[in-house]
Structure formats: C-alpha cells, structure tokens
Protein backbone atom coordinates (compact mmCIF):
# COMPACT_ATOMS: atom_id res chain seq x y z
CA UNK A 1 34.07 48.04 -238.02
CA UNK A 2 31.91 46.41 -235.36
CA UNK A 3 29.88 49.03 -233.51
CA UNK A 4 28.41 47.23 -230.51
CA UNK A 5 27.17 50.13 -228.36
CA UNK A 6 24.93 53.09 -229.09
CA UNK A 7 22.68 55.58 -227.33
CA UNK A 8 19.54 56.84 -229.04
CA UNK A 9 16.48 58.97 -228.31
CA UNK A 10 13.03 57.58 -229.11
CA UNK A 11 9.62 59.24 -228.97
CA UNK A 12 6.29 57.68 -229.79
CA UNK A 13 3.60 59.74 -231.48
CA UNK A 14 1.08 61.93 -229.69
CA UNK A 15 -2.54 60.94 -229.89
CA UNK A 16 -4.73 63.12 -232.11
CA UNK A 17 -7.21 65.52 -230.55
CA UNK A 18 -10.88 64.74 -230.34
CA UNK A 19 -13.14 67.53 -231.58
CA UNK A 20 -16.41 69.24 -230.72
CA UNK A 21 -18.93 68.96 -233.52
CA UNK A 22 -22.68 68.58 -234.00
CA UNK A 23 -24.86 67.04 -236.64
CA UNK A 24 -25.91 69.58 -239.25
CA UNK A 25 -28.31 67.74 -241.48
CA UNK A 26 -31.39 68.99 -243.29
CA UNK A 27 -34.64 68.30 -241.49
CA UNK A 28 -32.79 67.35 -238.26
CA UNK A 29 -32.81 70.44 -236.06
CA UNK A 30 -30.58 70.59 -233.01
CA UNK A 31 -28.51 67.61 -234.11
CA UNK A 32 -26.64 65.87 -231.34
CA UNK A 33 -22.89 65.74 -230.73
CA UNK A 34 -20.89 64.22 -233.55
CA UNK A 35 -17.26 65.03 -232.76
CA UNK A 36 -14.89 62.25 -233.75
CA UNK A 37 -12.04 60.81 -231.70
CA UNK A 38 -8.43 61.54 -232.47
CA UNK A 39 -6.24 58.83 -233.94
CA UNK A 40 -3.69 56.92 -231.87
CA UNK A 41 -0.05 57.97 -232.02
CA UNK A 42 2.47 55.67 -233.65
CA UNK A 43 4.47 53.19 -231.54
CA UNK A 44 8.24 52.80 -231.41
CA UNK A 45 8.92 49.17 -232.30
CA UNK A 46 12.21 47.27 -232.27
CA UNK A 47 12.55 44.32 -234.63
CA UNK A 48 15.41 41.90 -235.11
CA UNK A 49 16.85 41.85 -238.61
CA UNK A 50 19.02 38.71 -238.98
CA UNK A 51 20.91 40.34 -241.86
CA UNK A 52 22.34 43.02 -239.57
CA UNK A 53 25.50 42.44 -237.53
CA UNK A 54 26.37 45.87 -236.14
CA UNK A 55 24.86 48.99 -234.58
CA UNK A 56 26.63 51.21 -237.07
CA UNK A 57 23.43 52.92 -238.28
CA UNK A 58 22.89 54.43 -234.84
CA UNK A 59 26.15 56.33 -235.06
CA UNK A 60 24.68 58.33 -237.94
CA UNK A 61 21.12 58.75 -236.65
CA UNK A 62 20.29 59.24 -233.00
CA UNK A 63 16.73 60.62 -232.86
CA UNK A 64 13.76 58.44 -233.78
CA UNK A 65 10.18 59.76 -233.66
CA UNK A 66 6.93 58.06 -234.65
CA UNK A 67 4.08 59.94 -236.34
CA UNK A 68 1.35 61.69 -234.39
CA UNK A 69 -2.28 60.64 -234.64
CA UNK A 70 -4.62 62.91 -236.61
CA UNK A 71 -7.40 64.90 -235.02
CA UNK A 72 -10.96 63.61 -235.24
CA UNK A 73 -13.49 64.82 -237.80
CA UNK A 74 -17.14 65.73 -237.87
CA UNK A 75 -19.86 63.11 -238.23
CA UNK A 76 -18.04 60.95 -235.67
CA UNK A 77 -15.08 60.38 -237.97
CA UNK A 78 -12.04 59.04 -236.14
CA UNK A 79 -8.69 60.60 -237.05
CA UNK A 80 -6.07 58.49 -238.77
CA UNK A 81 -3.63 56.64 -236.55
CA UNK A 82 0.00 57.70 -236.68
CA UNK A 83 2.38 55.37 -238.48
CA UNK A 84 4.45 53.13 -236.24
CA UNK A 85 8.21 53.53 -236.44
CA UNK A 86 10.05 50.20 -236.66
CA UNK A 87 13.73 50.27 -235.74
CA UNK A 88 15.74 47.27 -236.93
CA UNK A 89 18.55 45.89 -234.80
CA UNK A 90 20.89 42.88 -235.16
CA UNK A 91 20.31 39.64 -233.25
CA UNK A 92 21.75 39.79 -229.77
CA UNK A 93 20.84 43.41 -229.01
CA UNK A 94 20.13 44.40 -225.41
CA UNK A 95 17.86 47.42 -224.95
CA UNK A 96 18.19 49.38 -221.71
CA UNK A 97 16.73 52.53 -220.21
CA UNK A 98 19.63 54.97 -220.37
CA UNK A 99 18.61 56.72 -217.14
CA UNK A 100 18.10 53.67 -214.90
CA UNK A 101 20.11 51.07 -216.86
CA UNK A 102 17.12 48.73 -216.48
CA UNK A 103 17.00 45.97 -219.06
CA UNK A 104 13.96 46.46 -221.28
CA UNK A 105 14.49 43.71 -223.83
CA UNK A 106 17.00 41.12 -225.01
CA UNK A 107 16.33 40.65 -228.71
CA UNK A 108 17.71 37.36 -230.00
CA UNK A 109 15.34 35.54 -232.34
CA UNK A 110 15.10 36.55 -236.05
CA UNK A 111 12.24 39.00 -236.65
CA UNK A 112 11.44 39.15 -232.93
CA UNK A 113 9.61 42.41 -232.18
CA UNK A 114 8.84 44.46 -229.09
CA UNK A 115 7.02 47.73 -228.56
CA UNK A 116 9.43 49.98 -226.69
CA UNK A 117 7.16 53.03 -226.42
CA UNK A 118 3.44 53.01 -227.14
CA UNK A 119 1.85 55.92 -228.94
CA UNK A 120 -0.48 58.24 -227.09
CA UNK A 121 -4.21 57.45 -227.06
CA UNK A 122 -6.38 59.61 -229.24
CA UNK A 123 -8.58 62.11 -227.43
CA UNK A 124 -12.31 61.50 -227.21
CA UNK A 125 -14.64 63.66 -229.25
CA UNK A 126 -17.65 65.32 -227.62
CA UNK A 127 -19.88 62.35 -228.49
CA UNK A 128 -18.41 60.52 -225.46
CA UNK A 129 -19.52 63.27 -223.09
CA UNK A 130 -23.22 63.25 -223.93
CA UNK A 131 -25.49 62.55 -220.94
CA UNK A 132 -29.09 62.97 -219.89
CA UNK A 133 -28.28 66.27 -218.29
CA UNK A 134 -25.98 67.48 -221.07
CA UNK A 135 -27.17 66.57 -224.53
CA UNK A 136 -25.00 69.13 -226.30
CA UNK A 137 -21.59 68.77 -224.67
CA UNK A 138 -19.00 71.22 -225.86
CA UNK A 139 -16.02 69.38 -224.55
CA UNK A 140 -13.48 67.05 -226.12
CA UNK A 141 -10.13 65.57 -225.15
CA UNK A 142 -6.72 66.33 -226.49
CA UNK A 143 -4.66 63.34 -227.46
CA UNK A 144 -2.35 61.79 -224.90
CA UNK A 145 1.31 62.67 -225.42
CA UNK A 146 3.66 59.99 -226.60
CA UNK A 147 6.46 58.53 -224.51
CA UNK A 148 10.03 59.70 -224.87
CA UNK A 149 13.22 58.25 -223.48
CA UNK A 150 16.91 57.77 -224.08
CA UNK A 151 17.88 54.19 -224.73
CA UNK A 152 21.22 52.42 -224.76
CA UNK A 153 21.76 49.55 -227.16
CA UNK A 154 24.37 46.89 -226.52
CA UNK A 155 25.21 44.12 -228.95
CA UNK A 156 26.32 40.75 -227.62
CA UNK A 157 27.16 38.41 -230.46
CA UNK A 158 25.33 35.12 -230.70
CA UNK A 159 27.72 32.24 -231.30
CA UNK A 160 27.88 28.59 -230.31
CA UNK A 161 31.60 28.57 -229.55
CA UNK A 162 33.74 31.43 -228.29
CA UNK A 163 37.46 31.28 -229.10
CA UNK A 164 39.40 32.91 -226.24
CA UNK A 165 43.04 33.34 -225.32
CA UNK A 166 45.79 35.89 -224.80
CA UNK A 167 46.75 38.26 -227.63
CA UNK A 168 48.58 36.59 -230.52
CA UNK A 169 47.65 33.06 -229.43
CA UNK A 170 46.49 32.24 -232.95
CA UNK A 171 42.73 32.56 -232.52
CA UNK A 172 42.15 34.41 -235.77
CA UNK A 173 44.36 32.01 -237.70
CA UNK A 174 42.40 29.07 -236.32
CA UNK A 175 39.07 30.68 -237.23
CA UNK A 176 40.30 31.39 -240.76
CA UNK A 177 41.26 27.75 -241.43
CA UNK A 178 38.12 26.16 -239.98
CA UNK A 179 35.51 28.55 -241.39
CA UNK A 180 34.69 31.04 -244.11
CA UNK A 181 35.79 33.98 -241.98
CA UNK A 182 38.57 36.27 -243.23
CA UNK A 183 39.92 38.03 -240.14
CA UNK A 184 42.99 40.24 -240.22
CA UNK A 185 46.02 38.19 -239.21
CA UNK A 186 49.54 39.35 -238.33
CA UNK A 187 52.35 38.27 -236.00
CA UNK A 188 51.90 40.91 -233.31
CA UNK A 189 49.50 41.38 -230.37
CA UNK A 190 46.06 42.93 -230.82
CA UNK A 191 45.77 42.23 -234.53
CA UNK A 192 42.09 41.53 -233.86
CA UNK A 193 40.37 44.66 -232.55
CA UNK A 194 36.82 43.38 -232.87
CA UNK A 195 35.14 39.96 -232.69
CA UNK A 196 34.91 37.90 -235.87
CA UNK A 197 32.25 35.32 -236.66
CA UNK A 198 32.67 32.23 -238.82
CA UNK A 199 30.43 29.29 -239.69
CA UNK A 200 32.12 25.89 -239.30
CA UNK A 201 30.60 22.87 -241.03
CA UNK A 202 31.36 19.30 -239.97
CA UNK A 203 29.51 16.14 -240.90
CA UNK A 204 26.52 18.07 -242.29
CA UNK A 205 26.21 20.09 -239.09
CA UNK A 206 27.22 23.68 -238.57
CA UNK A 207 28.22 25.85 -235.63
CA UNK A 208 28.98 29.55 -235.35
CA UNK A 209 32.41 30.32 -233.89
CA UNK A 210 33.35 33.76 -232.52
CA UNK A 211 36.98 34.87 -232.37
CA UNK A 212 37.12 37.06 -229.26
CA UNK A 213 40.04 39.56 -229.28
CA UNK A 214 42.86 38.79 -226.88
CA UNK A 215 42.13 39.44 -223.21
CA UNK A 216 44.67 41.18 -221.00
CA UNK A 217 45.28 41.70 -217.29
CA UNK A 218 42.30 43.46 -215.72
CA UNK A 219 39.96 42.87 -218.68
CA UNK A 220 37.08 42.12 -216.29
CA UNK A 221 37.41 45.68 -214.96
CA UNK A 222 37.40 47.18 -218.42
CA UNK A 223 41.17 47.52 -218.76
CA UNK A 224 41.97 47.89 -222.44
CA UNK A 225 38.74 46.92 -224.15
CA UNK A 226 37.92 44.24 -221.58
CA UNK A 227 34.18 44.81 -221.23
CA UNK A 228 33.80 45.40 -224.96
CA UNK A 229 35.27 41.95 -225.63
CA UNK A 230 33.97 39.95 -222.67
CA UNK A 231 30.32 40.77 -223.34
CA UNK A 232 30.52 38.77 -226.56
CA UNK A 233 31.51 35.58 -224.69
CA UNK A 234 28.39 35.47 -222.51
CA UNK A 235 25.99 33.99 -225.07
CA UNK A 236 28.29 31.16 -226.19
CA UNK A 237 27.52 27.55 -225.29
CA UNK A 238 31.17 26.48 -225.15
CA UNK A 239 34.62 28.04 -225.00
CA UNK A 240 37.58 27.01 -227.14
CA UNK A 241 40.61 28.16 -225.16
CA UNK A 242 43.67 28.63 -227.39
CA UNK A 243 47.03 28.63 -225.59
CA UNK A 244 50.02 30.32 -227.22
CA UNK A 245 52.65 27.60 -227.47
CA UNK A 246 55.38 30.20 -228.09
CA UNK A 247 54.68 31.97 -224.79
CA UNK A 248 57.31 31.82 -222.06
CA UNK A 249 54.67 30.69 -219.55
CA UNK A 250 51.65 29.04 -221.24
CA UNK A 251 50.16 27.85 -217.94
CA UNK A 252 50.19 31.38 -216.52
CA UNK A 253 48.49 32.62 -219.71
CA UNK A 254 45.85 29.93 -219.36
CA UNK A 255 45.22 30.82 -215.71
CA UNK A 256 45.02 34.51 -216.57
CA UNK A 257 42.25 34.03 -219.10
CA UNK A 258 40.32 31.66 -216.83
CA UNK A 259 40.48 34.18 -214.01
CA UNK A 260 39.46 37.14 -216.18
CA UNK A 261 36.42 35.23 -217.42
CA UNK A 262 35.33 34.20 -213.93
CA UNK A 263 35.91 37.63 -212.44
CA UNK A 264 33.70 39.18 -215.11
CA UNK A 265 30.94 36.57 -214.80
CA UNK A 266 31.28 33.60 -212.44
CA UNK A 267 29.14 31.46 -214.76
CA UNK A 268 31.81 31.86 -217.45
CA UNK A 269 34.29 30.21 -215.10
CA UNK A 270 32.27 27.00 -215.30
CA UNK A 271 31.33 27.21 -218.98
CA UNK A 272 32.27 23.98 -220.84
CA UNK A 273 35.61 24.41 -222.57
CA UNK A 274 38.08 22.64 -224.82
CA UNK A 275 41.76 23.58 -224.66
CA UNK A 276 44.02 23.80 -227.70
CA UNK A 277 47.80 24.22 -227.39
CA UNK A 278 48.67 26.09 -230.57
CA UNK A 279 51.82 26.72 -232.68
CA UNK A 280 53.17 23.16 -232.65
CA UNK A 281 54.95 24.06 -235.88
CA UNK A 282 57.46 26.01 -233.76
CA UNK A 283 60.36 24.21 -232.00
CA UNK A 284 59.85 26.12 -228.72
CA UNK A 285 56.20 25.05 -228.59
CA UNK A 286 57.14 21.44 -229.25
CA UNK A 287 59.66 21.63 -226.40
CA UNK A 288 57.14 23.10 -223.94
CA UNK A 289 54.25 20.80 -224.82
CA UNK A 290 55.12 17.78 -222.59
CA UNK A 291 55.40 19.94 -219.46
CA UNK A 292 52.26 21.94 -220.27
CA UNK A 293 50.32 18.77 -221.06
CA UNK A 294 51.35 17.22 -217.74
CA UNK A 295 50.31 20.27 -215.72
CA UNK A 296 46.97 20.51 -217.51
CA UNK A 297 46.32 16.82 -216.91
CA UNK A 298 46.98 17.37 -213.21
CA UNK A 299 44.03 19.78 -213.34
CA UNK A 300 41.92 17.20 -215.15
CA UNK A 301 42.21 18.97 -218.49
CA UNK A 302 42.85 17.16 -221.75
CA UNK A 303 44.40 19.55 -224.27
CA UNK A 304 44.84 19.21 -228.02
CA UNK A 305 48.26 20.04 -229.46
CA UNK A 306 47.67 21.73 -232.82
CA UNK A 307 49.15 24.08 -235.37
CA UNK A 308 46.59 26.44 -236.83
CA UNK A 309 49.18 27.69 -239.32
CA UNK A 310 49.82 24.22 -240.79
CA UNK A 311 46.39 22.82 -239.79
CA UNK A 312 48.08 19.96 -237.92
CA UNK A 313 45.45 18.04 -235.90
CA UNK A 314 42.95 20.87 -236.35
CA UNK A 315 40.37 18.47 -237.80
CA UNK A 316 40.51 16.28 -234.68
CA UNK A 317 40.00 19.37 -232.54
CA UNK A 318 36.92 20.46 -234.48
CA UNK A 319 35.53 16.93 -234.36
CA UNK A 320 35.85 17.00 -230.57
CA UNK A 321 34.11 20.41 -230.38
CA UNK A 322 31.12 19.13 -232.38
CA UNK A 323 30.96 15.95 -230.29
CA UNK A 324 31.05 17.83 -227.00
CA UNK A 325 28.56 20.53 -227.95
CA UNK A 326 26.07 17.96 -229.24
CA UNK A 327 25.86 16.59 -225.69
CA UNK A 328 25.25 19.96 -224.05
CA UNK A 329 21.71 20.98 -223.15
CA UNK A 330 20.19 23.67 -225.31
CA UNK A 331 20.46 26.94 -223.43
CA UNK A 332 18.74 30.19 -224.21
CA UNK A 333 21.16 32.80 -225.52
CA UNK A 334 19.17 35.48 -223.73
CA UNK A 335 21.08 37.32 -221.06
CA UNK A 336 19.65 37.05 -217.57
CA UNK A 337 18.81 40.23 -215.72
CA UNK A 338 21.16 39.02 -212.97
CA UNK A 339 24.05 40.18 -215.15
CA UNK A 340 23.27 43.69 -213.92
CA UNK A 341 25.33 42.94 -210.79
CA UNK A 342 28.52 42.90 -212.85
CA UNK A 343 28.14 46.51 -213.89
CA UNK A 344 29.73 48.32 -210.97
CA UNK A 345 28.88 51.84 -209.99
CA UNK A 346 31.78 54.19 -209.42
CA UNK A 347 31.39 54.04 -205.62
CA UNK A 348 30.57 50.33 -205.30
CA UNK A 349 33.09 48.56 -203.08
CA UNK A 350 34.88 45.60 -204.65
CA UNK A 351 36.39 44.40 -201.37
CA UNK A 352 36.71 45.24 -197.66
CA UNK A 353 39.66 44.93 -195.28
CA UNK A 354 39.36 44.39 -191.52
CA UNK A 355 41.77 43.54 -188.71
CA UNK A 356 41.22 40.28 -186.88
CA UNK A 357 41.49 39.73 -183.10
CA UNK A 358 45.11 38.58 -183.40
CA UNK A 359 46.19 41.34 -185.76
CA UNK A 360 45.61 39.38 -188.95
CA UNK A 361 44.11 41.06 -192.01
CA UNK A 362 40.74 39.84 -193.29
CA UNK A 363 39.97 40.60 -196.94
CA UNK A 364 36.43 39.95 -198.11
CA UNK A 365 34.79 40.53 -201.47
CA UNK A 366 33.07 38.35 -204.01
CA UNK A 367 35.55 38.88 -206.82
CA UNK A 368 38.76 38.58 -204.85
CA UNK A 369 37.50 35.53 -202.93
CA UNK A 370 36.50 33.88 -206.21
CA UNK A 371 39.94 34.58 -207.63
CA UNK A 372 41.57 33.04 -204.55
CA UNK A 373 39.38 29.95 -204.82
CA UNK A 374 40.43 29.51 -208.46
CA UNK A 375 44.13 29.82 -207.81
CA UNK A 376 46.24 26.65 -207.91
CA UNK A 377 48.51 27.29 -204.96
CA UNK A 378 50.84 24.42 -205.89
CA UNK A 379 52.17 26.36 -208.87
CA UNK A 380 54.46 29.35 -208.58
CA UNK A 381 53.05 30.92 -211.76
CA UNK A 382 49.54 30.66 -210.36
CA UNK A 383 50.65 32.44 -207.17
CA UNK A 384 52.32 35.15 -209.26
CA UNK A 385 49.12 35.48 -211.24
CA UNK A 386 47.12 35.94 -208.03
CA UNK A 387 49.57 38.60 -206.90
CA UNK A 388 48.88 40.49 -210.12
CA UNK A 389 45.17 40.26 -209.42
CA UNK A 390 45.75 41.75 -205.97
CA UNK A 391 47.56 44.66 -207.59
CA UNK A 392 44.98 45.10 -210.36
CA UNK A 393 42.00 45.14 -208.00
CA UNK A 394 43.79 47.53 -205.64
CA UNK A 395 43.85 45.02 -202.76
CA UNK A 396 47.62 45.12 -202.39
CA UNK A 397 47.72 48.92 -202.19
CA UNK A 398 44.83 48.94 -199.71
CA UNK A 399 46.63 46.41 -197.50
CA UNK A 400 49.78 48.52 -197.54
CA UNK A 401 47.78 51.58 -196.51
CA UNK A 402 46.23 49.51 -193.74
CA UNK A 403 49.72 48.81 -192.42
CA UNK A 404 50.46 45.26 -193.58
CA UNK A 405 54.08 44.20 -193.15
CA UNK A 406 56.03 41.25 -194.61
CA UNK A 407 55.27 38.16 -192.55
CA UNK A 408 51.78 39.30 -191.51
CA UNK A 409 48.90 36.87 -191.96
CA UNK A 410 46.27 37.78 -194.54
CA UNK A 411 43.02 35.84 -194.91
CA UNK A 412 41.23 36.05 -198.24
CA UNK A 413 38.04 34.08 -197.90
CA UNK A 414 39.04 30.66 -196.58
CA UNK A 415 42.69 31.03 -197.62
CA UNK A 416 45.45 31.96 -195.17
CA UNK A 417 48.42 33.72 -196.76
CA UNK A 418 51.69 35.14 -195.49
CA UNK A 419 52.19 38.64 -196.82
CA UNK A 420 55.34 39.38 -198.78
CA UNK A 421 56.30 42.18 -201.15
C-alpha cells in the first residue's frame, strides 16, 4: 500500500544547563569560576533514503524527539551534546509546516539532508560571567529549549514519464509489458488504487514510468482521489496519454483528462505528451480508430494505435518516448513554491459572476477561463465536456441562482456563449 501523506510531531533537544562552579585546588585559594557550559541539544534531521518508496512508517510512529544536551561540569567541562535524530524519507517528499502549510523542504536527491529543527544552545557556565567587578560570579544559564512543531509530509513520486488516462484505459497493462512492474490488472474501472512505478530499458538507456490511477470528472478538485493521484504527475518530464479504444467516446475521454490536468496545474496542460490509442485487439477499437485519428490530427496530435494486451506496436511507441524525452531539457523534479496557489482554502472563490450593461452574464475565474480556452468548440463532445465542467465547478448552479434563462448571453473570459439547459 502506498502511503503518500502523513502528519508527525518533531521536537529538537533542549540545550544542557551551564553550572556554577569554582576551582578547588590545593595551594590555590579562592579559585576563580570554573563552571562548564551545557551541551547542545540534538537536531531533527531529514534525510532521503533512496530505498524507501512510501511514508508507511509514519502511520505507526508520529512523535519524534531528539536527545537533550547534558549539563556542564566543574573544571570548565562542557556537557555532552544531545544525539541528533535523523528521520529517513523516500525521494520526492515535501515537508511542510502543518500550521501554516509553508513549504520547508522538497527532498529529491538520494541522501539529501536538511535540518528541520535545530537543537537548543547549551547554557553558559559561570566562567562566561566573570568581570573585573565580579570575579566570583554565581550565575549560569539554562540551556535553550528545543524547537517543536507539527509537520505534514507529502510524497510526490519521481518518474520520467507519467502514464495517464481514464479508468480501465489499459495503463497498468501497458506498464506491465514494458517494464518489470507487476501491477494489479483486471477488466473493470479503478483496478489501480495507487501509482505504480516501473523501469523501462531501451537501447541501453532507462526511464522510470509511473502508472497514475485513472482520473475522473472533478479530479482537480479532489473528487474521488483526484489530488492523491494528480500530485504524482507533477514531477514527470513527459506524459504518455493512453486512450481507451473501447470507449464510446474516446475524444471526450481524451479532452476530459487534458482538462483535469490543466485545471489542477496549468503547467501540466502544456507538458510534452505522447498519445497512445489502446485496445486495437478489439473490433470496436479498430472501427473507431480512423475517426479518432482524424480528429486528433486536426488538433496537431499524432497518436500511436497499439494493443497493450497483445503488445502490437508497443515497441514503436516506447522508441518514440525515448526519442522525444532525449530532446527535452533536463528539468529539476523539485516542486516550485508557486504550487501553493492550487491548494484552495475552504472560502477561496473559484469564480465570480457579474451582470453586464446589456444584461449579459460575465463569468470570471482562472480555472473556468482556462477550461474555456482549452475547449474545442467545433466538437459537440468537447462542448458537452465543458458543460460538465460548469456543473462540477458549480458555475451552472450559480448562474441559475443569478437568474440566467435559456437564450441569455454568457461570457466566460473571451468566449461568448448562449445559455441553454
């Protein structure tokens, strides 16, 4: 089971106390101050362990505390430092402050380390307080307390290629035949409930492919397990979009996934992609392929007709993936802080509706305007898809409450529409 979210409590160690002490040596009367400093408290350190692939351990243990520093000793002896506590996490782990949701670290590279909470400084012994006017100070410091905080951990898989598509499109089957992965496969939707990784080798080169579970309507808003799945697409360099050739409307399926990706993160809408029309071993897929191919070509998309089940033309598809990705610039898998804007607060408005001077309705909002700009208005299925987006985002219901009637003009961004139920 892939556990990709966790919340834990961390506390660094307190610094040890400094002490008050004086020299007590034979033949040295009235010895001066000799109180030692306390030791430093242990740090909380996060380190990437490339052998880990899940946050499962944090479901069993939630509290992590480093050791305290030891108090100082006489004869200016410094107390022992507290042991640091190193917490190992898998590559791709985002560390956030649970209270503010601020991104603290994005841990990607093997054995990368970061100090999350420093231990408290050890207190000074009375030696530090000696002065010309006070040669026998009887004062020392207590150690500084450690830092404590609740932290949320979020795992975003690191893969070169993300395999996306609607449920039951054949993504897991494709991954199983091109790599060493052994995902669960069955002929019904939502067989894959968690992402699967597989290493694909071609011509002495290798890439990591991630099979992302099927996305559904409203995934960008968290419908189903939308956010849980979509976060794993963000680090990929390329998308392999698998279309279900047995679907009644493959083009609508394709548009749905493209819209869900862009609505979640607009950069995903422009991520390089290769399209594969799957299930060519089925007669219905073979019958639909010419029409689907023509419509995709109208959009400037060259698709590969394959059968993952029989491995027909799969090798040519993989060859194309390796060729395309070799020409892409190397991009850091680290997630930019700008991604914070996609995590909506409960009261954050997604869109606004106003009445124009001639009674028209003006709908504004980044997500809905982006969806409108991505819609191919020449295709009925694309228009139907956009109507579903209006319903999912609550725009349609809001327009009805605002008094929209069939035949009224509705502007969404730069697009003028005639309202109809």
